[in-house]
Amino acid sequence: MDDITANVIGIIAKRLPVNAQKLEMTDRLEELGINSLNVVEMIFDLEEYFGIQISFDSKDPRPEFETVSDVVDATRSYVDRKRRESSCP
């Protein structure tokens, strides 16, 4: 497990109910008990931790992140984009 994955899973885990089990990449956020407010808070946590800005429309009823893997992949994409932009002259 790489650093991005481990850190994202740690941030997601903070939003879980106390009795939650170990997270798997295929776990669905809704089934873990993460509601829309938790998702918004999680996005703020991810943005702060990684120094990124995640596009998110809180008024869109379709979930952008359905699984733990979706969150990891999206975060990795934003972090990679930030690295590319900061390395360009």
Protein backbone atom coordinates (compact mmCIF):
# COMPACT_ATOMS: atom_id res chain seq x y z
CA MET A 1 0.00 0.00 0.00
CA ASP A 2 1.51 3.34 -1.01
CA ASP A 3 1.45 6.54 1.04
CA ILE A 4 -1.46 8.15 -0.79
CA THR A 5 -3.63 5.06 -0.35
CA ALA A 6 -2.72 4.70 3.33
CA ASN A 7 -3.38 8.37 4.07
CA VAL A 8 -6.70 8.43 2.20
CA ILE A 9 -7.84 5.30 4.03
CA GLY A 10 -6.84 6.92 7.33
CA ILE A 11 -8.89 10.02 6.50
CA ILE A 12 -11.89 7.91 5.50
CA ALA A 13 -11.55 5.84 8.67
CA LYS A 14 -11.92 9.00 10.78
CA ARG A 15 -15.44 9.39 9.36
CA LEU A 16 -16.55 5.82 10.17
CA PRO A 17 -18.70 4.74 13.09
CA VAL A 18 -16.67 3.46 16.04
CA ASN A 19 -17.55 -0.19 15.41
CA ALA A 20 -16.36 -0.23 11.78
CA GLN A 21 -14.12 -2.99 10.55
CA LYS A 22 -10.96 -2.79 8.45
CA LEU A 23 -11.49 -0.87 5.22
CA GLU A 24 -11.24 -2.57 1.85
CA MET A 25 -10.83 -0.77 -1.47
CA THR A 26 -14.14 -2.20 -2.69
CA ASP A 27 -16.12 -1.01 0.34
CA ARG A 28 -18.98 1.31 -0.60
CA LEU A 29 -19.02 4.53 1.41
CA GLU A 30 -22.77 4.40 1.88
CA GLU A 31 -22.58 0.87 3.30
CA LEU A 32 -19.84 2.04 5.70
CA GLY A 33 -22.27 4.60 7.12
CA ILE A 34 -20.69 7.63 5.45
CA ASN A 35 -23.43 10.10 4.54
CA SER A 36 -23.28 13.17 2.30
CA LEU A 37 -22.18 15.44 5.16
CA ASN A 38 -19.37 13.02 6.00
CA VAL A 39 -18.31 13.06 2.32
CA VAL A 40 -18.08 16.87 2.30
CA GLU A 41 -16.06 16.82 5.54
CA MET A 42 -13.85 14.05 4.14
CA ILE A 43 -13.20 16.12 1.01
CA PHE A 44 -12.16 19.09 3.17
CA ASP A 45 -9.81 16.78 5.11
CA LEU A 46 -8.30 15.42 1.89
CA GLU A 47 -7.83 18.90 0.45
CA GLU A 48 -6.12 20.14 3.59
CA TYR A 49 -3.89 17.09 4.02
CA PHE A 50 -2.73 16.84 0.41
CA GLY A 51 -2.85 20.57 -0.44
CA ILE A 52 -5.24 19.98 -3.35
CA GLN A 53 -8.64 21.25 -4.50
CA ILE A 54 -11.22 18.55 -5.28
CA SER A 55 -14.04 19.45 -7.65
CA PHE A 56 -17.27 18.53 -5.94
CA ASP A 57 -20.85 19.63 -6.46
CA SER A 58 -22.68 19.15 -3.17
CA LYS A 59 -26.00 19.85 -4.95
CA ASP A 60 -25.52 16.96 -7.38
CA PRO A 61 -27.52 13.99 -6.08
CA ARG A 62 -25.28 11.45 -7.85
CA PRO A 63 -22.42 10.33 -5.64
CA GLU A 64 -19.01 11.18 -7.07
CA PHE A 65 -17.32 8.74 -4.73
CA GLU A 66 -19.04 5.42 -4.28
CA THR A 67 -16.19 3.26 -3.01
CA VAL A 68 -12.97 3.65 -1.04
CA SER A 69 -11.13 2.99 -4.31
CA ASP A 70 -12.95 5.90 -5.98
CA VAL A 71 -11.70 8.26 -3.27
CA VAL A 72 -8.13 6.93 -3.49
CA ASP A 73 -8.09 7.14 -7.30
CA ALA A 74 -9.53 10.67 -7.38
CA THR A 75 -7.12 11.89 -4.71
CA ARG A 76 -4.16 10.32 -6.53
CA SER A 77 -5.26 12.07 -9.73
CA TYR A 78 -5.42 15.47 -8.01
CA VAL A 79 -2.06 14.94 -6.27
CA ASP A 80 -0.43 13.86 -9.56
CA ARG A 81 -1.88 16.90 -11.34
CA LYS A 82 -0.57 19.19 -8.60
CA ARG A 83 2.91 17.63 -8.91
CA ARG A 84 2.92 18.07 -12.70
CA GLU A 85 1.79 21.69 -12.44
CA SER A 86 4.38 22.53 -9.80
CA SER A 87 7.19 20.99 -11.88
CA CYS A 88 6.34 23.03 -14.99
CA PRO A 89 8.30 26.27 -15.41
